[in-house]
């Protein structure tokens, strides 16, 4: 499903216009992004939780010449599906 398809479904089920559904979706994505940027989890009941996890530094190989390199650690977004979502997908 693409963003456009999701916005169309939101507009149809909420009974509003596509423009208002697009603004609502953009506000949702922005607020999730800002919360994760601050390191705060975002929990949506019945859907799941967006969290920020730490990826440790690790050793790797340069793909072109094979030399050893150190890949730095990073903060990465993760999603944990709720039990209800897992059951619905099964």
N, C-alpha and C. Protein backbone atom coordinates (compact mmCIF):
# COMPACT_ATOMS: atom_id res chain seq x y z
N UNK A 1 0.85 -1.17 0.00
CA UNK A 1 0.00 0.00 0.00
C UNK A 1 0.90 1.24 0.00
N UNK A 2 0.57 2.19 -0.84
CA UNK A 2 1.34 3.42 -0.92
C UNK A 2 0.71 4.49 -0.03
N UNK A 3 1.43 5.59 0.12
CA UNK A 3 0.91 6.69 0.93
C UNK A 3 -0.39 7.22 0.32
N UNK A 4 -0.44 7.35 -0.99
CA UNK A 4 -1.64 7.87 -1.66
C UNK A 4 -2.84 6.96 -1.41
N UNK A 5 -2.63 5.66 -1.46
CA UNK A 5 -3.72 4.72 -1.20
C UNK A 5 -4.19 4.82 0.25
N UNK A 6 -3.24 4.95 1.16
CA UNK A 6 -3.58 5.08 2.57
C UNK A 6 -4.36 6.37 2.83
N UNK A 7 -3.94 7.46 2.23
CA UNK A 7 -4.64 8.74 2.39
C UNK A 7 -6.06 8.64 1.83
N UNK A 8 -6.23 7.95 0.70
CA UNK A 8 -7.57 7.77 0.13
C UNK A 8 -8.47 6.99 1.07
N UNK A 9 -7.93 5.93 1.67
CA UNK A 9 -8.72 5.13 2.62
C UNK A 9 -9.07 5.96 3.85
N UNK A 10 -8.12 6.75 4.35
CA UNK A 10 -8.40 7.61 5.50
C UNK A 10 -9.51 8.60 5.19
N UNK A 11 -9.45 9.21 4.01
CA UNK A 11 -10.47 10.19 3.62
C UNK A 11 -11.84 9.53 3.50
N UNK A 12 -11.86 8.35 2.92
CA UNK A 12 -13.12 7.64 2.71
C UNK A 12 -13.76 7.22 4.04
N UNK A 13 -12.95 6.64 4.94
CA UNK A 13 -13.51 6.15 6.20
C UNK A 13 -13.84 7.28 7.17
N UNK A 14 -13.11 8.37 7.12
CA UNK A 14 -13.37 9.49 8.02
C UNK A 14 -14.45 10.42 7.46
N UNK A 15 -14.74 10.29 6.18
CA UNK A 15 -15.78 11.13 5.57
C UNK A 15 -15.31 12.53 5.26
N UNK A 16 -14.01 12.73 5.15
CA UNK A 16 -13.47 14.06 4.85
C UNK A 16 -12.85 14.09 3.47
N UNK A 17 -12.16 15.17 3.21
CA UNK A 17 -11.52 15.32 1.90
C UNK A 17 -10.14 14.66 1.93
N UNK A 18 -9.62 14.42 0.73
CA UNK A 18 -8.27 13.85 0.63
C UNK A 18 -7.23 14.82 1.17
N UNK A 19 -7.46 16.11 0.97
CA UNK A 19 -6.51 17.12 1.44
C UNK A 19 -6.41 17.11 2.96
N UNK A 20 -7.56 17.01 3.64
CA UNK A 20 -7.53 16.98 5.10
C UNK A 20 -6.93 15.68 5.61
N UNK A 21 -7.19 14.57 4.93
CA UNK A 21 -6.60 13.29 5.32
C UNK A 21 -5.09 13.32 5.11
N UNK A 22 -4.65 13.96 4.03
CA UNK A 22 -3.21 14.09 3.76
C UNK A 22 -2.53 14.92 4.83
N UNK A 23 -3.18 16.02 5.25
CA UNK A 23 -2.61 16.86 6.32
C UNK A 23 -2.55 16.10 7.63
N UNK A 24 -3.59 15.32 7.94
CA UNK A 24 -3.61 14.54 9.17
C UNK A 24 -2.51 13.48 9.16
N UNK A 25 -2.35 12.82 8.02
CA UNK A 25 -1.30 11.80 7.92
C UNK A 25 0.08 12.42 8.04
N UNK A 26 0.29 13.57 7.41
CA UNK A 26 1.57 14.27 7.50
C UNK A 26 1.85 14.69 8.94
N UNK A 27 0.83 15.15 9.65
CA UNK A 27 1.00 15.53 11.06
C UNK A 27 1.36 14.32 11.91
N UNK A 28 0.74 13.18 11.62
CA UNK A 28 1.04 11.94 12.34
C UNK A 28 2.50 11.54 12.13
N UNK A 29 2.94 11.51 10.89
CA UNK A 29 4.31 11.11 10.57
C UNK A 29 5.31 12.07 11.21
N UNK A 30 5.02 13.36 11.15
CA UNK A 30 5.92 14.36 11.73
C UNK A 30 6.01 14.19 13.24
N UNK A 31 4.90 13.95 13.90
CA UNK A 31 4.93 13.81 15.36
C UNK A 31 5.65 12.53 15.78
N UNK A 32 5.49 11.45 15.02
CA UNK A 32 6.23 10.22 15.32
C UNK A 32 7.72 10.46 15.12
N UNK A 33 8.10 11.11 14.04
CA UNK A 33 9.50 11.40 13.75
C UNK A 33 10.13 12.25 14.85
N UNK A 34 9.42 13.29 15.29
CA UNK A 34 9.96 14.17 16.33
C UNK A 34 10.11 13.45 17.67
N UNK A 35 9.14 12.61 18.00
CA UNK A 35 9.22 11.85 19.24
C UNK A 35 10.41 10.90 19.22
N UNK A 36 10.60 10.22 18.09
CA UNK A 36 11.73 9.30 17.98
C UNK A 36 13.06 10.06 17.98
N UNK A 37 13.09 11.23 17.39
CA UNK A 37 14.30 12.04 17.39
C UNK A 37 14.70 12.40 18.82
N UNK A 38 13.71 12.61 19.68
CA UNK A 38 13.97 12.93 21.09
C UNK A 38 14.23 11.67 21.92
N UNK A 39 14.10 10.49 21.31
CA UNK A 39 14.35 9.24 22.01
C UNK A 39 13.14 8.70 22.75
N UNK A 40 11.96 9.24 22.48
CA UNK A 40 10.74 8.81 23.16
C UNK A 40 10.02 7.76 22.33
N UNK A 41 9.50 6.70 22.97
CA UNK A 41 8.74 5.70 22.22
C UNK A 41 7.35 6.22 21.87
N UNK A 42 6.78 5.71 20.80
CA UNK A 42 5.43 6.07 20.38
C UNK A 42 4.61 4.77 20.36
N UNK A 43 3.61 4.68 21.24
CA UNK A 43 2.80 3.48 21.34
C UNK A 43 1.40 3.75 20.82
N UNK A 44 0.93 2.90 19.90
CA UNK A 44 -0.41 2.99 19.36
C UNK A 44 -1.11 1.69 19.74
N UNK A 45 -2.08 1.78 20.63
CA UNK A 45 -2.78 0.59 21.12
C UNK A 45 -3.36 -0.22 19.98
N UNK A 46 -3.16 -1.52 20.03
CA UNK A 46 -3.69 -2.41 19.02
C UNK A 46 -2.88 -2.43 17.74
N UNK A 47 -1.84 -1.62 17.64
CA UNK A 47 -1.02 -1.58 16.44
C UNK A 47 0.43 -1.93 16.74
N UNK A 48 1.06 -1.15 17.62
CA UNK A 48 2.44 -1.44 17.97
C UNK A 48 3.14 -0.25 18.57
N UNK A 49 4.46 -0.38 18.72
CA UNK A 49 5.28 0.65 19.34
C UNK A 49 6.49 0.95 18.45
N UNK A 50 6.70 2.23 18.20
CA UNK A 50 7.90 2.69 17.52
C UNK A 50 8.90 3.06 18.60
N UNK A 51 10.14 2.55 18.50
CA UNK A 51 11.16 2.85 19.50
C UNK A 51 12.46 3.21 18.79
N UNK A 52 13.39 3.77 19.57
CA UNK A 52 14.73 4.05 19.09
C UNK A 52 15.66 3.05 19.76
N UNK A 53 16.43 2.33 18.96
CA UNK A 53 17.36 1.34 19.47
C UNK A 53 18.77 1.75 19.11
N UNK A 54 19.72 1.24 19.86
CA UNK A 54 21.14 1.49 19.57
C UNK A 54 21.71 0.31 18.80
N UNK A 55 22.39 0.61 17.73
CA UNK A 55 23.13 -0.41 17.00
C UNK A 55 24.60 -0.23 17.37
N UNK A 56 25.21 -1.28 17.89
CA UNK A 56 26.60 -1.21 18.35
C UNK A 56 27.55 -1.07 17.17
N UNK A 57 28.71 -0.49 17.44
CA UNK A 57 29.76 -0.43 16.43
C UNK A 57 30.23 -1.85 16.15
N UNK A 58 30.63 -2.08 14.91
CA UNK A 58 31.07 -3.43 14.55
C UNK A 58 32.12 -3.34 13.45
N UNK A 59 32.82 -4.43 13.26
CA UNK A 59 33.84 -4.52 12.21
C UNK A 59 33.19 -5.04 10.95
N UNK A 60 33.68 -4.55 9.83
CA UNK A 60 33.16 -4.98 8.54
C UNK A 60 34.25 -4.98 7.50
N UNK A 61 33.87 -5.22 6.29
CA UNK A 61 34.82 -5.24 5.17
C UNK A 61 34.36 -4.25 4.11
N UNK A 62 35.31 -3.53 3.55
CA UNK A 62 35.03 -2.64 2.43
C UNK A 62 34.67 -3.52 1.25
N UNK A 63 33.51 -3.32 0.61
CA UNK A 63 33.08 -4.23 -0.44
C UNK A 63 33.95 -4.23 -1.70
N UNK A 64 34.63 -3.13 -1.96
CA UNK A 64 35.41 -3.06 -3.19
C UNK A 64 36.79 -3.68 -3.06
N UNK A 65 37.48 -3.34 -1.95
CA UNK A 65 38.86 -3.81 -1.85
C UNK A 65 39.09 -4.81 -0.71
N UNK A 66 38.09 -5.07 0.10
CA UNK A 66 38.21 -6.09 1.13
C UNK A 66 38.94 -5.68 2.40
N UNK A 67 39.33 -4.42 2.51
CA UNK A 67 40.04 -4.00 3.72
C UNK A 67 39.08 -3.93 4.90
N UNK A 68 39.62 -4.16 6.10
CA UNK A 68 38.81 -4.11 7.31
C UNK A 68 38.47 -2.67 7.65
N UNK A 69 37.20 -2.44 8.02
CA UNK A 69 36.76 -1.10 8.43
C UNK A 69 35.93 -1.25 9.70
N UNK A 70 35.81 -0.15 10.42
CA UNK A 70 34.95 -0.12 11.60
C UNK A 70 33.68 0.63 11.22
N UNK A 71 32.54 -0.03 11.39
CA UNK A 71 31.25 0.59 11.12
C UNK A 71 30.77 1.21 12.43
N UNK A 72 30.58 2.52 12.48
CA UNK A 72 30.22 3.16 13.75
C UNK A 72 28.84 2.77 14.24
N UNK A 73 28.63 2.91 15.55
CA UNK A 73 27.31 2.65 16.14
C UNK A 73 26.33 3.72 15.70
N UNK A 74 25.05 3.42 15.85
CA UNK A 74 24.03 4.38 15.40
C UNK A 74 22.75 4.17 16.19
N UNK A 75 21.93 5.21 16.19
CA UNK A 75 20.56 5.11 16.71
C UNK A 75 19.67 4.81 15.52
N UNK A 76 18.84 3.78 15.64
CA UNK A 76 17.98 3.37 14.53
C UNK A 76 16.54 3.21 15.01
N UNK A 77 15.56 3.52 14.15
CA UNK A 77 14.16 3.31 14.53
C UNK A 77 13.80 1.84 14.40
N UNK A 78 12.96 1.37 15.31
CA UNK A 78 12.48 -0.01 15.28
C UNK A 78 10.97 0.01 15.53
N UNK A 79 10.31 -1.04 15.09
CA UNK A 79 8.88 -1.17 15.31
C UNK A 79 8.62 -2.53 15.93
N UNK A 80 7.85 -2.53 17.00
CA UNK A 80 7.41 -3.77 17.64
C UNK A 80 5.90 -3.88 17.46
N UNK A 81 5.48 -4.89 16.76
CA UNK A 81 4.04 -5.08 16.52
C UNK A 81 3.35 -5.51 17.80
N UNK A 82 2.11 -5.06 17.99
CA UNK A 82 1.33 -5.46 19.16
C UNK A 82 0.84 -6.89 18.96
N UNK A 83 0.40 -7.47 20.03
CA UNK A 83 -0.10 -8.84 19.97
C UNK A 83 -1.33 -8.92 19.06
N UNK A 84 -2.20 -7.92 19.14
CA UNK A 84 -3.39 -7.89 18.29
C UNK A 84 -3.03 -7.84 16.81
N UNK A 85 -2.01 -7.08 16.44
CA UNK A 85 -1.59 -7.00 15.05
C UNK A 85 -0.98 -8.32 14.60
N UNK A 86 -0.19 -8.94 15.46
CA UNK A 86 0.41 -10.22 15.12
C UNK A 86 -0.67 -11.28 14.87
N UNK A 87 -1.68 -11.29 15.71
CA UNK A 87 -2.77 -12.25 15.56
C UNK A 87 -3.55 -11.98 14.28
N UNK A 88 -3.79 -10.71 13.96
CA UNK A 88 -4.54 -10.35 12.76
C UNK A 88 -3.79 -10.76 11.49
N UNK A 89 -2.47 -10.69 11.52
CA UNK A 89 -1.69 -11.04 10.34
C UNK A 89 -1.63 -12.55 10.14
N UNK A 90 -1.64 -13.29 11.23
CA UNK A 90 -1.61 -14.76 11.13
C UNK A 90 -2.86 -15.21 10.47
